[in-house]
Amino acid sequence: MTEQLKEKVLRNIIKECYWDYNITEVDLEKILNSDDKRDIKKDIF
């Protein structure tokens, strides 16, 4: 996946799923790459 496409996907996820949270693309990428499943829960924000 190209970097440009990856950024677009992250922006779309934020727009559709996390629109009511203050989250950046970098934050989301860290969460998705984390081994700690608690990070993936939406209620931690």
PDB file of N, CA and C in Angstrom:
ATOM      1  N   MET A   1       0.865  -1.168   0.000  1.00  0.00           N
ATOM      2  CA  MET A   1       0.000   0.000   0.000  1.00  0.00           C
ATOM      3  C   MET A   1       0.910   1.229   0.000  1.00  0.00           C
ATOM      4  N   THR A   2       0.601   2.136  -0.868  1.00  0.00           N
ATOM      5  CA  THR A   2       1.401   3.348  -0.923  1.00  0.00           C
ATOM      6  C   THR A   2       1.111   4.225   0.293  1.00  0.00           C
ATOM      7  N   GLU A   3       2.031   5.092   0.596  1.00  0.00           N
ATOM      8  CA  GLU A   3       1.876   5.992   1.747  1.00  0.00           C
ATOM      9  C   GLU A   3       0.662   6.904   1.568  1.00  0.00           C
ATOM     10  N   GLN A   4       0.449   7.347   0.366  1.00  0.00           N
ATOM     11  CA  GLN A   4      -0.683   8.227   0.064  1.00  0.00           C
ATOM     12  C   GLN A   4      -2.020   7.503   0.291  1.00  0.00           C
ATOM     13  N   LEU A   5      -2.095   6.279  -0.139  1.00  0.00           N
ATOM     14  CA  LEU A   5      -3.308   5.496   0.052  1.00  0.00           C
ATOM     15  C   LEU A   5      -3.537   5.198   1.531  1.00  0.00           C
ATOM     16  N   LYS A   6      -2.469   4.874   2.239  1.00  0.00           N
ATOM     17  CA  LYS A   6      -2.559   4.598   3.666  1.00  0.00           C
ATOM     18  C   LYS A   6      -3.094   5.813   4.420  1.00  0.00           C
ATOM     19  N   GLU A   7      -2.606   6.989   4.095  1.00  0.00           N
ATOM     20  CA  GLU A   7      -3.081   8.214   4.735  1.00  0.00           C
ATOM     21  C   GLU A   7      -4.563   8.450   4.433  1.00  0.00           C
ATOM     22  N   LYS A   8      -4.965   8.174   3.212  1.00  0.00           N
ATOM     23  CA  LYS A   8      -6.364   8.343   2.835  1.00  0.00           C
ATOM     24  C   LYS A   8      -7.258   7.383   3.615  1.00  0.00           C
ATOM     25  N   VAL A   9      -6.825   6.147   3.749  1.00  0.00           N
ATOM     26  CA  VAL A   9      -7.592   5.157   4.504  1.00  0.00           C
ATOM     27  C   VAL A   9      -7.709   5.597   5.968  1.00  0.00           C
ATOM     28  N   LEU A  10      -6.619   6.038   6.560  1.00  0.00           N
ATOM     29  CA  LEU A  10      -6.651   6.495   7.954  1.00  0.00           C
ATOM     30  C   LEU A  10      -7.593   7.682   8.120  1.00  0.00           C
ATOM     31  N   ARG A  11      -7.536   8.628   7.200  1.00  0.00           N
ATOM     32  CA  ARG A  11      -8.439   9.790   7.271  1.00  0.00           C
ATOM     33  C   ARG A  11      -9.892   9.356   7.177  1.00  0.00           C
ATOM     34  N   ASN A  12     -10.179   8.390   6.306  1.00  0.00           N
ATOM     35  CA  ASN A  12     -11.550   7.903   6.159  1.00  0.00           C
ATOM     36  C   ASN A  12     -12.028   7.182   7.413  1.00  0.00           C
ATOM     37  N   ILE A  13     -11.154   6.409   8.033  1.00  0.00           N
ATOM     38  CA  ILE A  13     -11.517   5.740   9.281  1.00  0.00           C
ATOM     39  C   ILE A  13     -11.842   6.775  10.345  1.00  0.00           C
ATOM     40  N   ILE A  14     -11.016   7.790  10.457  1.00  0.00           N
ATOM     41  CA  ILE A  14     -11.260   8.847  11.441  1.00  0.00           C
ATOM     42  C   ILE A  14     -12.573   9.559  11.127  1.00  0.00           C
ATOM     43  N   LYS A  15     -12.789   9.861   9.879  1.00  0.00           N
ATOM     44  CA  LYS A  15     -14.004  10.570   9.474  1.00  0.00           C
ATOM     45  C   LYS A  15     -15.264   9.762   9.766  1.00  0.00           C
ATOM     46  N   GLU A  16     -15.223   8.464   9.499  1.00  0.00           N
ATOM     47  CA  GLU A  16     -16.412   7.625   9.639  1.00  0.00           C
ATOM     48  C   GLU A  16     -16.610   7.058  11.044  1.00  0.00           C
ATOM     49  N   CYS A  17     -15.527   6.777  11.736  1.00  0.00           N
ATOM     50  CA  CYS A  17     -15.634   6.070  13.019  1.00  0.00           C
ATOM     51  C   CYS A  17     -15.277   6.920  14.236  1.00  0.00           C
ATOM     52  N   TYR A  18     -14.390   7.858  14.052  1.00  0.00           N
ATOM     53  CA  TYR A  18     -13.887   8.629  15.189  1.00  0.00           C
ATOM     54  C   TYR A  18     -14.136  10.127  15.020  1.00  0.00           C
ATOM     55  N   TRP A  19     -15.169  10.479  14.315  1.00  0.00           N
ATOM     56  CA  TRP A  19     -15.464  11.879  14.035  1.00  0.00           C
ATOM     57  C   TRP A  19     -15.708  12.682  15.309  1.00  0.00           C
ATOM     58  N   ASP A  20     -16.140  12.039  16.385  1.00  0.00           N
ATOM     59  CA  ASP A  20     -16.444  12.748  17.621  1.00  0.00           C
ATOM     60  C   ASP A  20     -15.295  12.701  18.632  1.00  0.00           C
ATOM     61  N   TYR A  21     -14.117  12.258  18.185  1.00  0.00           N
ATOM     62  CA  TYR A  21     -12.928  12.192  19.029  1.00  0.00           C
ATOM     63  C   TYR A  21     -11.824  13.048  18.431  1.00  0.00           C
ATOM     64  N   ASN A  22     -10.950  13.495  19.286  1.00  0.00           N
ATOM     65  CA  ASN A  22      -9.795  14.264  18.843  1.00  0.00           C
ATOM     66  C   ASN A  22      -8.642  13.289  18.613  1.00  0.00           C
ATOM     67  N   ILE A  23      -8.578  12.715  17.424  1.00  0.00           N
ATOM     68  CA  ILE A  23      -7.572  11.700  17.103  1.00  0.00           C
ATOM     69  C   ILE A  23      -6.919  12.068  15.777  1.00  0.00           C
ATOM     70  N   THR A  24      -5.629  11.833  15.703  1.00  0.00           N
ATOM     71  CA  THR A  24      -4.890  12.129  14.480  1.00  0.00           C
ATOM     72  C   THR A  24      -4.598  10.831  13.737  1.00  0.00           C
ATOM     73  N   GLU A  25      -4.131  10.980  12.531  1.00  0.00           N
ATOM     74  CA  GLU A  25      -3.759   9.812  11.743  1.00  0.00           C
ATOM     75  C   GLU A  25      -2.620   9.058  12.429  1.00  0.00           C
ATOM     76  N   VAL A  26      -1.695   9.794  13.016  1.00  0.00           N
ATOM     77  CA  VAL A  26      -0.569   9.179  13.721  1.00  0.00           C
ATOM     78  C   VAL A  26      -1.073   8.388  14.925  1.00  0.00           C
ATOM     79  N   ASP A  27      -1.997   8.958  15.682  1.00  0.00           N
ATOM     80  CA  ASP A  27      -2.579   8.263  16.830  1.00  0.00           C
ATOM     81  C   ASP A  27      -3.254   6.969  16.394  1.00  0.00           C
ATOM     82  N   LEU A  28      -4.042   7.046  15.357  1.00  0.00           N
ATOM     83  CA  LEU A  28      -4.766   5.875  14.874  1.00  0.00           C
ATOM     84  C   LEU A  28      -3.802   4.796  14.395  1.00  0.00           C
ATOM     85  N   GLU A  29      -2.777   5.197  13.707  1.00  0.00           N
ATOM     86  CA  GLU A  29      -1.799   4.228  13.220  1.00  0.00           C
ATOM     87  C   GLU A  29      -1.093   3.535  14.392  1.00  0.00           C
ATOM     88  N   LYS A  30      -0.760   4.269  15.427  1.00  0.00           N
ATOM     89  CA  LYS A  30      -0.140   3.670  16.615  1.00  0.00           C
ATOM     90  C   LYS A  30      -1.071   2.659  17.266  1.00  0.00           C
ATOM     91  N   ILE A  31      -2.336   3.003  17.350  1.00  0.00           N
ATOM     92  CA  ILE A  31      -3.321   2.095  17.933  1.00  0.00           C
ATOM     93  C   ILE A  31      -3.447   0.832  17.103  1.00  0.00           C
ATOM     94  N   LEU A  32      -3.527   0.977  15.810  1.00  0.00           N
ATOM     95  CA  LEU A  32      -3.692  -0.180  14.934  1.00  0.00           C
ATOM     96  C   LEU A  32      -2.471  -1.085  14.939  1.00  0.00           C
ATOM     97  N   ASN A  33      -1.314  -0.522  15.187  1.00  0.00           N
ATOM     98  CA  ASN A  33      -0.081  -1.309  15.208  1.00  0.00           C
ATOM     99  C   ASN A  33       0.268  -1.832  16.595  1.00  0.00           C
ATOM    100  N   SER A  34      -0.509  -1.486  17.574  1.00  0.00           N
ATOM    101  CA  SER A  34      -0.245  -1.881  18.950  1.00  0.00           C
ATOM    102  C   SER A  34      -0.603  -3.352  19.186  1.00  0.00           C
ATOM    103  N   ASP A  35       0.163  -3.972  20.043  1.00  0.00           N
ATOM    104  CA  ASP A  35      -0.148  -5.346  20.449  1.00  0.00           C
ATOM    105  C   ASP A  35      -1.113  -5.371  21.626  1.00  0.00           C
ATOM    106  N   ASP A  36      -1.316  -4.243  22.244  1.00  0.00           N
ATOM    107  CA  ASP A  36      -2.214  -4.144  23.394  1.00  0.00           C
ATOM    108  C   ASP A  36      -3.638  -3.940  22.898  1.00  0.00           C
ATOM    109  N   LYS A  37      -4.463  -4.951  23.019  1.00  0.00           N
ATOM    110  CA  LYS A  37      -5.823  -4.904  22.491  1.00  0.00           C
ATOM    111  C   LYS A  37      -6.688  -3.861  23.193  1.00  0.00           C
ATOM    112  N   ARG A  38      -6.307  -3.438  24.386  1.00  0.00           N
ATOM    113  CA  ARG A  38      -7.065  -2.387  25.073  1.00  0.00           C
ATOM    114  C   ARG A  38      -6.986  -1.069  24.306  1.00  0.00           C
ATOM    115  N   ASP A  39      -5.906  -0.867  23.569  1.00  0.00           N
ATOM    116  CA  ASP A  39      -5.744   0.361  22.789  1.00  0.00           C
ATOM    117  C   ASP A  39      -6.773   0.463  21.663  1.00  0.00           C
ATOM    118  N   ILE A  40      -7.232  -0.668  21.205  1.00  0.00           N
ATOM    119  CA  ILE A  40      -8.148  -0.673  20.074  1.00  0.00           C
ATOM    120  C   ILE A  40      -9.564  -0.261  20.492  1.00  0.00           C
ATOM    121  N   LYS A  41      -9.880  -0.404  21.751  1.00  0.00           N
ATOM    122  CA  LYS A  41     -11.212  -0.035  22.228  1.00  0.00           C
ATOM    123  C   LYS A  41     -11.465   1.446  22.009  1.00  0.00           C
ATOM    124  N   LYS A  42     -12.601   1.761  21.498  1.00  0.00           N
ATOM    125  CA  LYS A  42     -12.937   3.148  21.195  1.00  0.00           C
ATOM    126  C   LYS A  42     -13.101   4.000  22.449  1.00  0.00           C
ATOM    127  N   ASP A  43     -13.470   3.392  23.555  1.00  0.00           N
ATOM    128  CA  ASP A  43     -13.768   4.172  24.749  1.00  0.00           C
ATOM    129  C   ASP A  43     -12.541   4.674  25.499  1.00  0.00           C
ATOM    130  N   ILE A  44     -11.337   4.413  25.022  1.00  0.00           N
ATOM    131  CA  ILE A  44     -10.157   4.897  25.729  1.00  0.00           C
ATOM    132  C   ILE A  44      -9.845   6.346  25.392  1.00  0.00           C
ATOM    133  N   PHE A  45     -10.473   6.888  24.397  1.00  0.00           N
ATOM    134  CA  PHE A  45     -10.153   8.253  23.985  1.00  0.00           C
ATOM    135  C   PHE A  45     -10.845   9.216  24.875  1.00  0.00           C
TER     136      PHE A  45
END
